[in-house]
Structures are given as structure tokens and as C-alpha cells.
Amino acid sequence: MDIGRRKLIASLAAASPLCVGLSGLGQGGTKPASQPRKANAPADNTIVRIVLHGLFVLEYKQTNLFVTAPKVSGGGVSCFNTSGHVYKGGNRHNLSGDLSGIFDFTKALRGAQTSPGFPMEMVTFSKGSTKVGDIYDDTSYYQYRLILNFPLAIYPLRRGDARGFIPIKNNVGGKLSYQTNGNINLSYCFEYSCYLPDIPNLPLSGTNLWQPALTLHFHAEPIQPDSMDPDGINHFNAALCQTAKIFKTPGNFDLQVDPQSKPDFVAPEDPKIRGLGVVDELCLAEKEVLAGSTTGSDAGTNVANCVQLGVNP
């Protein structure tokens, strides 16, 4: 176990601002170093943020943003023998486990009238050029899905070096769009507005009681990530194999990362957004360690581990 890395995580999180509760409502915040993708935002209401961690597939459809978590099981899967994903969400300090099904936030969270698109730091691919991207609506094909309005802003979090992400140049891998010589961010924060009385009614269920919060975290990642080369890449490739099942043309989704990639550990940092701190950038395994659990891992994460993928037309 890397004691130095564990101390880093603990010290950074200790310096992070406290969770913004219902008694300390924030109206926006300072801009981070990386400018957010913004759309036309209303001037009223309380700001609520959705933060994603792990492997999700995102797509804008009509007036909504669909965020889908594929089913990733452990053991002897079709490509590799690796750990499966854990699915949690909710208040950063009281995550609800075993999420499944559909969580529709479109009535409670107000968004923008136009799509801001995906940040250039996100790995994306086009349905038109790859002939894959149409996702099944049937919940039996995926673990869980968030349905959101167009976000008012998107903040990239936990910035990593894109040179550590080396896709194999097959159908999808050869047609990806991202900052090849820039950054790939491991998490993204989506900003919305909400009437205060609606916050306790946000749709969330699971093994823990739902608690209102202004920042909601959603995880689809292993609790003990094999995040260091080569095990982490094997896990990511296994997860990508299983991600193909959510698409109507699964045979065309052949995205894999070069097993010889040597990505660096991406340390969490203060995102410099009011109401968010270092703890909001931690992956699930790091949060477990911070909470004193012996089941977590401080191995951290990197750009060749499970990241979010955007689907463009």
C-alpha cells in the first residue's frame, strides 16, 4: 500500500471545504482554471450539482442529457478476469448503494434551453462515423441511468494527462475526439438550478436513506480499482467489452486501450468552485479509505481507467 499517497489524499481532503448543506446555500461560485461549458442560465434558484465518477456513457437526446452506467461484473468476463463495478449515488458523505433503474431529474432540476455540448477534455465518438451509439431504453441492458435537462454549466474535474490514454486504432478507437496532447478529466460536474422545496424530492433510492444535498455524486467504478499498469488497463478494457452490450449495434463498439500504456496517477486537487473541494474529486475507493474502511484502496485512478464517454451524432 502506498502510504505516501494515502497521506496525500487524507491531507488534501482535510483541507477541503465542508459539505455545503441546506443551511448554507450557494449561488454559483468562482470559475475554475478550466473554463466550464455554459449555456443560457436562469438567474434565480439554488444551484445543485451532479458529479460523475467512473464509466458512464453520455448522450444528448432531444432536450435531455442521458447518462447511462453499463453493467460491469467481476470474475471471468469476455475479455479479462477483473473486478466488477459498484454503483452508488447521493450525498457525498452518505452514498446510497446498489443503484439500478432510471432516475429522472428533469422535473426537479432546471437546466438550459440549449445544449452546451461536451467539454473538449471528454473522450467522445460519433454515431455517424462509427455506426454505434444508439443505446437501448430497456433497463435490462444497463445498470442505471440518469435523465437530466441540458446543464447550465459543465465543470471538468480531476485533470489528467491525455498522453497516458492510448486507444487501439480500431473502429471506435481510431475515430475518437479528445485533447490528445492536452487533458482528459476523470470526473465532470453538471450544474443545475432547483427550487429549495424540491431538493428532498429528488429521485434516489438504494440501501441507505436519501438525504438532501446540493452536490450529488454518482459512481460506477470498482471499490478496489486495479488502477496501476497493467491491471488497471485490463480492468478498463474488460469494462469496455461489457459496455458494448448497452448499444443496439454492440459489435461496432470495439474500443480498447493499448495494454502497454503507462498512465500516471492523477492526484485530486481543489477544483476552485464554490461549494466543491478535493473530497468531491475522490473516486469511490479513495472515499472508502477516507472513511476508515478496509475494503477501499488508495491506488487512485488515471486516464486509462474508467472514464466518461460522450456520444455525438
C-alpha atoms as a PDB file:
ATOM      1  CA  MET A   1       0.000   0.000   0.000  1.00  0.00           C
ATOM      2  CA  ASP A   2       1.322   3.465  -0.887  1.00  0.00           C
ATOM      3  CA  ILE A   3       1.360   5.265   2.475  1.00  0.00           C
ATOM      4  CA  GLY A   4       2.533   8.477   0.851  1.00  0.00           C
ATOM      5  CA  ARG A   5      -0.441   8.515  -1.494  1.00  0.00           C
ATOM      6  CA  ARG A   6      -2.858   7.761   1.350  1.00  0.00           C
ATOM      7  CA  LYS A   7      -1.447  10.679   3.359  1.00  0.00           C
ATOM      8  CA  LEU A   8      -1.806  12.901   0.294  1.00  0.00           C
ATOM      9  CA  ILE A   9      -5.460  12.021  -0.114  1.00  0.00           C
ATOM     10  CA  ALA A  10      -6.183  12.496   3.594  1.00  0.00           C
ATOM     11  CA  SER A  11      -4.367  15.834   3.814  1.00  0.00           C
ATOM     12  CA  LEU A  12      -5.993  17.232   0.687  1.00  0.00           C
ATOM     13  CA  ALA A  13      -9.446  16.155   1.809  1.00  0.00           C
ATOM     14  CA  ALA A  14      -8.869  17.645   5.267  1.00  0.00           C
ATOM     15  CA  ALA A  15      -8.178  20.996   3.649  1.00  0.00           C
ATOM     16  CA  SER A  16     -11.335  20.725   1.533  1.00  0.00           C
ATOM     17  CA  PRO A  17     -14.337  22.928   2.439  1.00  0.00           C
ATOM     18  CA  LEU A  18     -17.100  21.320   4.430  1.00  0.00           C
ATOM     19  CA  CYS A  19     -20.114  19.893   2.692  1.00  0.00           C
ATOM     20  CA  VAL A  20     -22.497  22.676   1.726  1.00  0.00           C
ATOM     21  CA  GLY A  21     -25.745  21.762   3.426  1.00  0.00           C
ATOM     22  CA  LEU A  22     -29.244  23.145   3.176  1.00  0.00           C
ATOM     23  CA  SER A  23     -28.374  25.845   5.717  1.00  0.00           C
ATOM     24  CA  GLY A  24     -25.528  27.193   3.555  1.00  0.00           C
ATOM     25  CA  LEU A  25     -26.916  27.613   0.063  1.00  0.00           C
ATOM     26  CA  GLY A  26     -24.524  28.866  -2.614  1.00  0.00           C
ATOM     27  CA  GLN A  27     -25.474  30.792  -5.715  1.00  0.00           C
ATOM     28  CA  GLY A  28     -22.788  29.838  -8.185  1.00  0.00           C
ATOM     29  CA  GLY A  29     -19.065  30.236  -7.492  1.00  0.00           C
ATOM     30  CA  THR A  30     -15.692  31.206  -8.827  1.00  0.00           C
ATOM     31  CA  LYS A  31     -14.592  29.855 -12.163  1.00  0.00           C
ATOM     32  CA  PRO A  32     -12.095  27.001 -12.156  1.00  0.00           C
ATOM     33  CA  ALA A  33      -8.835  27.113 -14.067  1.00  0.00           C
ATOM     34  CA  SER A  34     -10.552  25.245 -16.900  1.00  0.00           C
ATOM     35  CA  GLN A  35     -13.488  27.294 -18.154  1.00  0.00           C
ATOM     36  CA  PRO A  36     -16.826  25.427 -17.890  1.00  0.00           C
ATOM     37  CA  ARG A  37     -19.046  24.791 -20.859  1.00  0.00           C
ATOM     38  CA  LYS A  38     -22.010  27.082 -20.167  1.00  0.00           C
ATOM     39  CA  ALA A  39     -25.429  27.548 -21.714  1.00  0.00           C
ATOM     40  CA  ASN A  40     -28.078  30.211 -21.109  1.00  0.00           C
ATOM     41  CA  ALA A  41     -28.739  30.052 -17.350  1.00  0.00           C
ATOM     42  CA  PRO A  42     -31.676  31.462 -15.367  1.00  0.00           C
ATOM     43  CA  ALA A  43     -30.729  33.954 -12.667  1.00  0.00           C
ATOM     44  CA  ASP A  44     -32.798  32.524  -9.811  1.00  0.00           C
ATOM     45  CA  ASN A  45     -32.992  29.384  -7.654  1.00  0.00           C
ATOM     46  CA  THR A  46     -30.485  27.313  -5.736  1.00  0.00           C
ATOM     47  CA  ILE A  47     -27.532  25.721  -7.524  1.00  0.00           C
ATOM     48  CA  VAL A  48     -27.467  21.891  -7.452  1.00  0.00           C
ATOM     49  CA  ARG A  49     -24.599  19.896  -8.934  1.00  0.00           C
ATOM     50  CA  ILE A  50     -24.351  16.343 -10.279  1.00  0.00           C
ATOM     51  CA  VAL A  51     -20.825  14.848 -10.174  1.00  0.00           C
ATOM     52  CA  LEU A  52     -19.969  11.680 -12.126  1.00  0.00           C
ATOM     53  CA  HIS A  53     -17.222   9.215 -11.223  1.00  0.00           C
ATOM     54  CA  GLY A  54     -16.312   6.178 -13.301  1.00  0.00           C
ATOM     55  CA  LEU A  55     -17.642   4.672 -16.501  1.00  0.00           C
ATOM     56  CA  PHE A  56     -20.741   6.353 -17.919  1.00  0.00           C
ATOM     57  CA  VAL A  57     -21.903   6.873 -21.487  1.00  0.00           C
ATOM     58  CA  LEU A  58     -23.439  10.312 -22.092  1.00  0.00           C
ATOM     59  CA  GLU A  59     -25.673  11.422 -24.932  1.00  0.00           C
ATOM     60  CA  TYR A  60     -27.812  14.465 -25.648  1.00  0.00           C
ATOM     61  CA  LYS A  61     -31.219  13.409 -26.977  1.00  0.00           C
ATOM     62  CA  GLN A  62     -33.888  15.949 -27.862  1.00  0.00           C
ATOM     63  CA  THR A  63     -33.969  18.280 -24.803  1.00  0.00           C
ATOM     64  CA  ASN A  64     -32.291  15.947 -22.332  1.00  0.00           C
ATOM     65  CA  LEU A  65     -28.925  14.555 -21.285  1.00  0.00           C
ATOM     66  CA  PHE A  66     -28.938  10.772 -20.792  1.00  0.00           C
ATOM     67  CA  VAL A  67     -26.222   9.372 -18.512  1.00  0.00           C
ATOM     68  CA  THR A  68     -26.013   5.560 -18.632  1.00  0.00           C
ATOM     69  CA  ALA A  69     -23.944   3.291 -16.386  1.00  0.00           C
ATOM     70  CA  PRO A  70     -23.164  -0.048 -18.094  1.00  0.00           C
ATOM     71  CA  LYS A  71     -23.294  -3.308 -16.166  1.00  0.00           C
ATOM     72  CA  VAL A  72     -19.720  -4.327 -15.352  1.00  0.00           C
ATOM     73  CA  SER A  73     -19.422  -7.587 -13.462  1.00  0.00           C
ATOM     74  CA  GLY A  74     -16.307  -9.155 -11.989  1.00  0.00           C
ATOM     75  CA  GLY A  75     -14.774 -12.560 -12.485  1.00  0.00           C
ATOM     76  CA  GLY A  76     -14.257 -14.281 -15.822  1.00  0.00           C
ATOM     77  CA  VAL A  77     -15.781 -11.822 -18.259  1.00  0.00           C
ATOM     78  CA  SER A  78     -15.453 -11.996 -22.011  1.00  0.00           C
ATOM     79  CA  CYS A  79     -12.095 -10.209 -22.180  1.00  0.00           C
ATOM     80  CA  PHE A  80     -10.310 -10.304 -18.834  1.00  0.00           C
ATOM     81  CA  ASN A  81     -10.653 -11.541 -15.267  1.00  0.00           C
ATOM     82  CA  THR A  82     -11.047  -8.364 -13.205  1.00  0.00           C
ATOM     83  CA  SER A  83     -13.170  -6.758 -10.506  1.00  0.00           C
ATOM     84  CA  GLY A  84     -16.689  -5.512 -11.163  1.00  0.00           C
ATOM     85  CA  HIS A  85     -18.234  -2.103 -10.603  1.00  0.00           C
ATOM     86  CA  VAL A  86     -20.036  -0.760  -7.550  1.00  0.00           C
ATOM     87  CA  TYR A  87     -22.981   1.582  -8.138  1.00  0.00           C
ATOM     88  CA  LYS A  88     -23.603   4.301  -5.569  1.00  0.00           C
ATOM     89  CA  GLY A  89     -25.033   7.780  -5.511  1.00  0.00           C
ATOM     90  CA  GLY A  90     -26.284  10.654  -3.407  1.00  0.00           C
ATOM     91  CA  ASN A  91     -24.828  12.831  -0.655  1.00  0.00           C
ATOM     92  CA  ARG A  92     -21.014  12.726  -0.720  1.00  0.00           C
ATOM     93  CA  HIS A  93     -20.919  11.610   2.921  1.00  0.00           C
ATOM     94  CA  ASN A  94     -23.841   9.152   2.803  1.00  0.00           C
ATOM     95  CA  LEU A  95     -23.868   7.389  -0.543  1.00  0.00           C
ATOM     96  CA  SER A  96     -26.756   5.081  -1.320  1.00  0.00           C
ATOM     97  CA  GLY A  97     -25.715   1.702  -2.708  1.00  0.00           C
ATOM     98  CA  ASP A  98     -26.996  -0.794  -5.252  1.00  0.00           C
ATOM     99  CA  LEU A  99     -28.415   1.801  -7.627  1.00  0.00           C
ATOM    100  CA  SER A 100     -30.406   0.424 -10.530  1.00  0.00           C
ATOM    101  CA  GLY A 101     -33.096   1.568 -12.927  1.00  0.00           C
ATOM    102  CA  ILE A 102     -33.870   5.123 -14.045  1.00  0.00           C
ATOM    103  CA  PHE A 103     -33.544   8.345 -12.051  1.00  0.00           C
ATOM    104  CA  ASP A 104     -35.370  11.189 -13.768  1.00  0.00           C
ATOM    105  CA  PHE A 105     -34.252  14.630 -12.558  1.00  0.00           C
ATOM    106  CA  THR A 106     -35.916  16.647 -15.305  1.00  0.00           C
ATOM    107  CA  LYS A 107     -38.803  17.916 -13.170  1.00  0.00           C
ATOM    108  CA  ALA A 108     -36.754  18.855 -10.088  1.00  0.00           C
ATOM    109  CA  LEU A 109     -33.607  20.278 -11.679  1.00  0.00           C
ATOM    110  CA  ARG A 110     -33.927  23.181 -14.083  1.00  0.00           C
ATOM    111  CA  GLY A 111     -31.420  23.395 -16.887  1.00  0.00           C
ATOM    112  CA  ALA A 112     -30.629  25.358 -20.014  1.00  0.00           C
ATOM    113  CA  GLN A 113     -32.674  25.735 -23.167  1.00  0.00           C
ATOM    114  CA  THR A 114     -29.801  24.774 -25.434  1.00  0.00           C
ATOM    115  CA  SER A 115     -27.143  22.088 -25.211  1.00  0.00           C
ATOM    116  CA  PRO A 116     -23.635  23.238 -24.188  1.00  0.00           C
ATOM    117  CA  GLY A 117     -22.124  20.201 -25.913  1.00  0.00           C
ATOM    118  CA  PHE A 118     -19.408  18.079 -24.334  1.00  0.00           C
ATOM    119  CA  PRO A 119     -16.177  19.545 -22.948  1.00  0.00           C
ATOM    120  CA  MET A 120     -13.177  19.085 -25.209  1.00  0.00           C
ATOM    121  CA  GLU A 121     -11.442  17.208 -22.369  1.00  0.00           C
ATOM    122  CA  MET A 122     -14.048  14.412 -22.548  1.00  0.00           C
ATOM    123  CA  VAL A 123     -13.441  11.357 -24.741  1.00  0.00           C
ATOM    124  CA  THR A 124     -16.200  11.303 -27.367  1.00  0.00           C
ATOM    125  CA  PHE A 125     -17.102   9.441 -30.537  1.00  0.00           C
ATOM    126  CA  SER A 126     -19.624   9.965 -33.308  1.00  0.00           C
ATOM    127  CA  LYS A 127     -22.524   7.644 -34.118  1.00  0.00           C
ATOM    128  CA  GLY A 128     -22.351   8.686 -37.735  1.00  0.00           C
ATOM    129  CA  SER A 129     -18.739   7.662 -38.297  1.00  0.00           C
ATOM    130  CA  THR A 130     -18.618   4.568 -36.043  1.00  0.00           C
ATOM    131  CA  LYS A 131     -22.135   3.181 -36.678  1.00  0.00           C
ATOM    132  CA  VAL A 132     -22.595   2.682 -32.941  1.00  0.00           C
ATOM    133  CA  GLY A 133     -24.087   4.862 -30.215  1.00  0.00           C
ATOM    134  CA  ASP A 134     -27.819   4.153 -30.127  1.00  0.00           C
ATOM    135  CA  ILE A 135     -28.447   2.915 -26.566  1.00  0.00           C
ATOM    136  CA  TYR A 136     -31.255   0.589 -25.527  1.00  0.00           C
ATOM    137  CA  ASP A 137     -34.016   2.160 -23.421  1.00  0.00           C
ATOM    138  CA  ASP A 138     -34.798  -1.198 -21.793  1.00  0.00           C
ATOM    139  CA  THR A 139     -33.300  -1.129 -18.284  1.00  0.00           C
ATOM    140  CA  SER A 140     -32.220  -4.770 -18.573  1.00  0.00           C
ATOM    141  CA  TYR A 141     -29.339  -3.639 -20.832  1.00  0.00           C
ATOM    142  CA  TYR A 142     -27.674  -1.329 -18.304  1.00  0.00           C
ATOM    143  CA  GLN A 143     -27.275  -0.848 -14.542  1.00  0.00           C
ATOM    144  CA  TYR A 144     -28.804   2.584 -14.084  1.00  0.00           C
ATOM    145  CA  ARG A 145     -29.497   5.807 -15.938  1.00  0.00           C
ATOM    146  CA  LEU A 146     -29.825   9.485 -15.050  1.00  0.00           C
ATOM    147  CA  ILE A 147     -32.139  11.622 -17.172  1.00  0.00           C
ATOM    148  CA  LEU A 148     -31.258  15.301 -16.902  1.00  0.00           C
ATOM    149  CA  ASN A 149     -32.108  18.539 -18.649  1.00  0.00           C
ATOM    150  CA  PHE A 150     -29.398  20.360 -20.570  1.00  0.00           C
ATOM    151  CA  PRO A 151     -26.890  21.511 -17.922  1.00  0.00           C
ATOM    152  CA  LEU A 152     -26.366  25.182 -17.165  1.00  0.00           C
ATOM    153  CA  ALA A 153     -22.619  24.530 -16.981  1.00  0.00           C
ATOM    154  CA  ILE A 154     -20.176  21.610 -17.077  1.00  0.00           C
ATOM    155  CA  TYR A 155     -17.033  21.697 -14.940  1.00  0.00           C
ATOM    156  CA  PRO A 156     -14.213  19.243 -15.755  1.00  0.00           C
ATOM    157  CA  LEU A 157     -12.694  17.789 -12.562  1.00  0.00           C
ATOM    158  CA  ARG A 158      -9.525  15.799 -11.742  1.00  0.00           C
ATOM    159  CA  ARG A 159      -7.378  16.709 -14.711  1.00  0.00           C
ATOM    160  CA  GLY A 160      -5.105  14.031 -16.189  1.00  0.00           C
ATOM    161  CA  ASP A 161      -2.523  13.906 -18.973  1.00  0.00           C
ATOM    162  CA  ALA A 162      -4.189  12.661 -22.167  1.00  0.00           C
ATOM    163  CA  ARG A 163      -0.892  11.194 -23.398  1.00  0.00           C
ATOM    164  CA  GLY A 164      -1.436   8.292 -20.972  1.00  0.00           C
ATOM    165  CA  PHE A 165      -4.644   7.338 -22.797  1.00  0.00           C
ATOM    166  CA  ILE A 166      -3.622   5.384 -25.908  1.00  0.00           C
ATOM    167  CA  PRO A 167      -6.588   3.786 -27.717  1.00  0.00           C
ATOM    168  CA  ILE A 168      -6.085   0.924 -30.136  1.00  0.00           C
ATOM    169  CA  LYS A 169      -6.852   2.262 -33.615  1.00  0.00           C
ATOM    170  CA  ASN A 170      -9.840   0.101 -34.425  1.00  0.00           C
ATOM    171  CA  ASN A 171     -13.356   1.248 -35.411  1.00  0.00           C
ATOM    172  CA  VAL A 172     -14.146   3.426 -32.385  1.00  0.00           C
ATOM    173  CA  GLY A 173     -10.598   3.929 -31.109  1.00  0.00           C
ATOM    174  CA  GLY A 174      -9.464   5.317 -34.434  1.00  0.00           C
ATOM    175  CA  LYS A 175     -12.258   7.890 -34.530  1.00  0.00           C
ATOM    176  CA  LEU A 176     -12.243   9.318 -31.005  1.00  0.00           C
ATOM    177  CA  SER A 177     -12.276  13.032 -30.298  1.00  0.00           C
ATOM    178  CA  TYR A 178     -10.393  14.462 -27.304  1.00  0.00           C
ATOM    179  CA  GLN A 179      -7.345  16.569 -26.468  1.00  0.00           C
ATOM    180  CA  THR A 180      -4.665  14.086 -27.498  1.00  0.00           C
ATOM    181  CA  ASN A 181      -1.892  16.407 -26.313  1.00  0.00           C
ATOM    182  CA  GLY A 182      -3.916  18.058 -23.572  1.00  0.00           C
ATOM    183  CA  ASN A 183      -6.066  16.813 -20.736  1.00  0.00           C
ATOM    184  CA  ILE A 184      -8.600  14.090 -20.069  1.00  0.00           C
ATOM    185  CA  ASN A 185     -10.691  14.730 -16.987  1.00  0.00           C
ATOM    186  CA  LEU A 186     -11.738  11.811 -14.826  1.00  0.00           C
ATOM    187  CA  SER A 187     -14.911  13.409 -13.438  1.00  0.00           C
ATOM    188  CA  TYR A 188     -17.378  16.014 -14.570  1.00  0.00           C
ATOM    189  CA  CYS A 189     -19.698  18.284 -12.596  1.00  0.00           C
ATOM    190  CA  PHE A 190     -23.043  19.277 -14.166  1.00  0.00           C
ATOM    191  CA  GLU A 191     -24.717  22.376 -12.761  1.00  0.00           C
ATOM    192  CA  TYR A 192     -28.477  22.957 -12.448  1.00  0.00           C
ATOM    193  CA  SER A 193     -30.876  25.186 -10.559  1.00  0.00           C
ATOM    194  CA  CYS A 194     -33.587  23.939  -8.226  1.00  0.00           C
ATOM    195  CA  TYR A 195     -36.327  25.345  -6.009  1.00  0.00           C
ATOM    196  CA  LEU A 196     -35.302  24.639  -2.406  1.00  0.00           C
ATOM    197  CA  PRO A 197     -38.545  22.742  -1.517  1.00  0.00           C
ATOM    198  CA  ASP A 198     -37.894  20.333  -4.402  1.00  0.00           C
ATOM    199  CA  ILE A 199     -34.497  19.144  -3.147  1.00  0.00           C
ATOM    200  CA  PRO A 200     -35.843  16.466  -0.732  1.00  0.00           C
ATOM    201  CA  ASN A 201     -37.962  15.119  -3.591  1.00  0.00           C
ATOM    202  CA  LEU A 202     -35.055  14.357  -5.910  1.00  0.00           C
ATOM    203  CA  PRO A 203     -35.373  10.793  -7.218  1.00  0.00           C
ATOM    204  CA  LEU A 204     -32.932   8.493  -5.467  1.00  0.00           C
ATOM    205  CA  SER A 205     -33.293   5.110  -3.835  1.00  0.00           C
ATOM    206  CA  GLY A 206     -30.936   2.441  -2.601  1.00  0.00           C
ATOM    207  CA  THR A 207     -29.649   0.749   0.527  1.00  0.00           C
ATOM    208  CA  ASN A 208     -29.314   3.962   2.564  1.00  0.00           C
ATOM    209  CA  LEU A 209     -31.869   6.607   3.430  1.00  0.00           C
ATOM    210  CA  TRP A 210     -31.988   9.500   0.992  1.00  0.00           C
ATOM    211  CA  GLN A 211     -30.528  12.747   2.343  1.00  0.00           C
ATOM    212  CA  PRO A 212     -30.999  16.113   0.639  1.00  0.00           C
ATOM    213  CA  ALA A 213     -27.830  17.730  -0.667  1.00  0.00           C
ATOM    214  CA  LEU A 214     -26.721  20.426  -3.072  1.00  0.00           C
ATOM    215  CA  THR A 215     -23.998  18.220  -4.554  1.00  0.00           C
ATOM    216  CA  LEU A 216     -24.959  14.718  -5.639  1.00  0.00           C
ATOM    217  CA  HIS A 217     -22.303  12.151  -6.539  1.00  0.00           C
ATOM    218  CA  PHE A 218     -22.861   9.145  -8.798  1.00  0.00           C
ATOM    219  CA  HIS A 219     -20.333   6.317  -9.025  1.00  0.00           C
ATOM    220  CA  ALA A 220     -19.951   3.411 -11.463  1.00  0.00           C
ATOM    221  CA  GLU A 221     -16.482   2.060 -10.688  1.00  0.00           C
ATOM    222  CA  PRO A 222     -14.674  -0.656  -8.720  1.00  0.00           C
ATOM    223  CA  ILE A 223     -14.295  -0.231  -4.973  1.00  0.00           C
ATOM    224  CA  GLN A 224     -10.840  -1.800  -5.207  1.00  0.00           C
ATOM    225  CA  PRO A 225      -9.526  -0.468  -8.527  1.00  0.00           C
ATOM    226  CA  ASP A 226      -6.684  -2.273 -10.273  1.00  0.00           C
ATOM    227  CA  SER A 227      -5.655   1.182 -11.330  1.00  0.00           C
ATOM    228  CA  MET A 228      -1.928   0.769 -11.845  1.00  0.00           C
ATOM    229  CA  ASP A 229      -0.409  -0.536 -15.069  1.00  0.00           C
ATOM    230  CA  PRO A 230      -1.106  -3.137 -16.325  1.00  0.00           C
ATOM    231  CA  ASP A 231      -4.021  -4.292 -14.130  1.00  0.00           C
ATOM    232  CA  GLY A 232      -5.946  -1.034 -14.392  1.00  0.00           C
ATOM    233  CA  ILE A 233      -5.845  -1.119 -18.173  1.00  0.00           C
ATOM    234  CA  ASN A 234      -7.027  -4.732 -18.138  1.00  0.00           C
ATOM    235  CA  HIS A 235      -9.955  -3.682 -15.957  1.00  0.00           C
ATOM    236  CA  PHE A 236     -10.845  -0.763 -18.225  1.00  0.00           C
ATOM    237  CA  ASN A 237     -10.704  -2.946 -21.326  1.00  0.00           C
ATOM    238  CA  ALA A 238     -12.896  -5.563 -19.635  1.00  0.00           C
ATOM    239  CA  ALA A 239     -15.374  -2.850 -18.672  1.00  0.00           C
ATOM    240  CA  LEU A 240     -15.392  -1.544 -22.251  1.00  0.00           C
ATOM    241  CA  CYS A 241     -16.148  -5.068 -23.527  1.00  0.00           C
ATOM    242  CA  GLN A 242     -19.225  -5.157 -21.314  1.00  0.00           C
ATOM    243  CA  THR A 243     -20.195  -1.588 -22.213  1.00  0.00           C
ATOM    244  CA  ALA A 244     -20.824  -2.759 -25.785  1.00  0.00           C
ATOM    245  CA  LYS A 245     -23.982  -4.513 -24.551  1.00  0.00           C
ATOM    246  CA  ILE A 246     -25.830  -1.234 -23.970  1.00  0.00           C
ATOM    247  CA  PHE A 247     -25.696  -0.404 -27.695  1.00  0.00           C
ATOM    248  CA  LYS A 248     -28.043  -1.644 -30.399  1.00  0.00           C
ATOM    249  CA  THR A 249     -25.012  -2.427 -32.590  1.00  0.00           C
ATOM    250  CA  PRO A 250     -22.665  -3.904 -29.948  1.00  0.00           C
ATOM    251  CA  GLY A 251     -20.317  -5.443 -32.494  1.00  0.00           C
ATOM    252  CA  ASN A 252     -19.296  -1.984 -33.685  1.00  0.00           C
ATOM    253  CA  PHE A 253     -18.211  -0.831 -30.220  1.00  0.00           C
ATOM    254  CA  ASP A 254     -14.671  -2.193 -30.094  1.00  0.00           C
ATOM    255  CA  LEU A 255     -12.947   0.497 -28.026  1.00  0.00           C
ATOM    256  CA  GLN A 256      -9.856  -0.797 -26.197  1.00  0.00           C
ATOM    257  CA  VAL A 257      -6.804   0.853 -24.645  1.00  0.00           C
ATOM    258  CA  ASP A 258      -3.267  -0.216 -25.524  1.00  0.00           C
ATOM    259  CA  PRO A 259      -2.133  -2.599 -22.721  1.00  0.00           C
ATOM    260  CA  GLN A 260       1.356  -1.083 -22.979  1.00  0.00           C
ATOM    261  CA  SER A 261       0.076   2.341 -21.919  1.00  0.00           C
ATOM    262  CA  LYS A 262       1.761   3.741 -18.827  1.00  0.00           C
ATOM    263  CA  PRO A 263      -0.557   6.403 -17.411  1.00  0.00           C
ATOM    264  CA  ASP A 264       0.450   8.375 -14.338  1.00  0.00           C
ATOM    265  CA  PHE A 265      -1.594   8.530 -11.147  1.00  0.00           C
ATOM    266  CA  VAL A 266      -3.878  11.582 -11.250  1.00  0.00           C
ATOM    267  CA  ALA A 267      -3.915  13.312  -7.870  1.00  0.00           C
ATOM    268  CA  PRO A 268      -7.117  15.020  -6.722  1.00  0.00           C
ATOM    269  CA  GLU A 269      -6.921  18.787  -6.363  1.00  0.00           C
ATOM    270  CA  ASP A 270      -9.070  21.682  -5.246  1.00  0.00           C
ATOM    271  CA  PRO A 271     -11.395  22.419  -8.197  1.00  0.00           C
ATOM    272  CA  LYS A 272     -11.735  26.061  -7.057  1.00  0.00           C
ATOM    273  CA  ILE A 273     -15.503  26.005  -7.432  1.00  0.00           C
ATOM    274  CA  ARG A 274     -17.561  27.378  -4.549  1.00  0.00           C
ATOM    275  CA  GLY A 275     -19.150  24.526  -2.610  1.00  0.00           C
ATOM    276  CA  LEU A 276     -16.784  21.886  -4.024  1.00  0.00           C
ATOM    277  CA  GLY A 277     -13.486  20.637  -2.635  1.00  0.00           C
ATOM    278  CA  VAL A 278     -10.885  17.938  -3.016  1.00  0.00           C
ATOM    279  CA  VAL A 279     -13.204  15.335  -1.482  1.00  0.00           C
ATOM    280  CA  ASP A 280     -15.547  15.846  -4.446  1.00  0.00           C
ATOM    281  CA  GLU A 281     -12.829  14.614  -6.812  1.00  0.00           C
ATOM    282  CA  LEU A 282     -12.133  11.363  -4.944  1.00  0.00           C
ATOM    283  CA  CYS A 283     -13.014   8.069  -6.581  1.00  0.00           C
ATOM    284  CA  LEU A 284     -15.129   5.587  -4.650  1.00  0.00           C
ATOM    285  CA  ALA A 285     -12.173   3.552  -3.419  1.00  0.00           C
ATOM    286  CA  GLU A 286     -10.467   6.663  -2.044  1.00  0.00           C
ATOM    287  CA  LYS A 287     -13.649   7.718  -0.263  1.00  0.00           C
ATOM    288  CA  GLU A 288     -13.826   4.296   1.373  1.00  0.00           C
ATOM    289  CA  VAL A 289     -10.252   4.701   2.639  1.00  0.00           C
ATOM    290  CA  LEU A 290     -11.006   8.199   3.906  1.00  0.00           C
ATOM    291  CA  ALA A 291     -13.990   6.821   5.817  1.00  0.00           C
ATOM    292  CA  GLY A 292     -11.771   4.234   7.511  1.00  0.00           C
ATOM    293  CA  SER A 293     -12.946   1.229   5.523  1.00  0.00           C
ATOM    294  CA  THR A 294     -10.573  -1.674   4.972  1.00  0.00           C
ATOM    295  CA  THR A 295     -12.295  -2.588   1.686  1.00  0.00           C
ATOM    296  CA  GLY A 296     -11.197   0.518  -0.176  1.00  0.00           C
ATOM    297  CA  SER A 297      -7.922   1.243  -1.929  1.00  0.00           C
ATOM    298  CA  ASP A 298      -5.670   4.273  -2.192  1.00  0.00           C
ATOM    299  CA  ALA A 299      -4.278   3.122  -5.528  1.00  0.00           C
ATOM    300  CA  GLY A 300      -6.073   6.094  -7.055  1.00  0.00           C
ATOM    301  CA  THR A 301      -7.056   6.417 -10.690  1.00  0.00           C
ATOM    302  CA  ASN A 302      -5.705   7.575 -14.042  1.00  0.00           C
ATOM    303  CA  VAL A 303      -6.744   8.416 -17.592  1.00  0.00           C
ATOM    304  CA  ALA A 304      -6.549   4.755 -18.700  1.00  0.00           C
ATOM    305  CA  ASN A 305      -9.029   3.668 -16.048  1.00  0.00           C
ATOM    306  CA  CYS A 306     -12.813   4.028 -16.230  1.00  0.00           C
ATOM    307  CA  VAL A 307     -13.721   7.460 -17.603  1.00  0.00           C
ATOM    308  CA  GLN A 308     -16.852   9.042 -19.016  1.00  0.00           C
ATOM    309  CA  LEU A 309     -17.576   8.705 -22.746  1.00  0.00           C
ATOM    310  CA  GLY A 310     -19.665  11.101 -24.796  1.00  0.00           C
ATOM    311  CA  VAL A 311     -21.708  10.107 -27.859  1.00  0.00           C
ATOM    312  CA  ASN A 312     -22.159  12.692 -30.585  1.00  0.00           C
ATOM    313  CA  PRO A 313     -24.492  12.423 -33.622  1.00  0.00           C
END
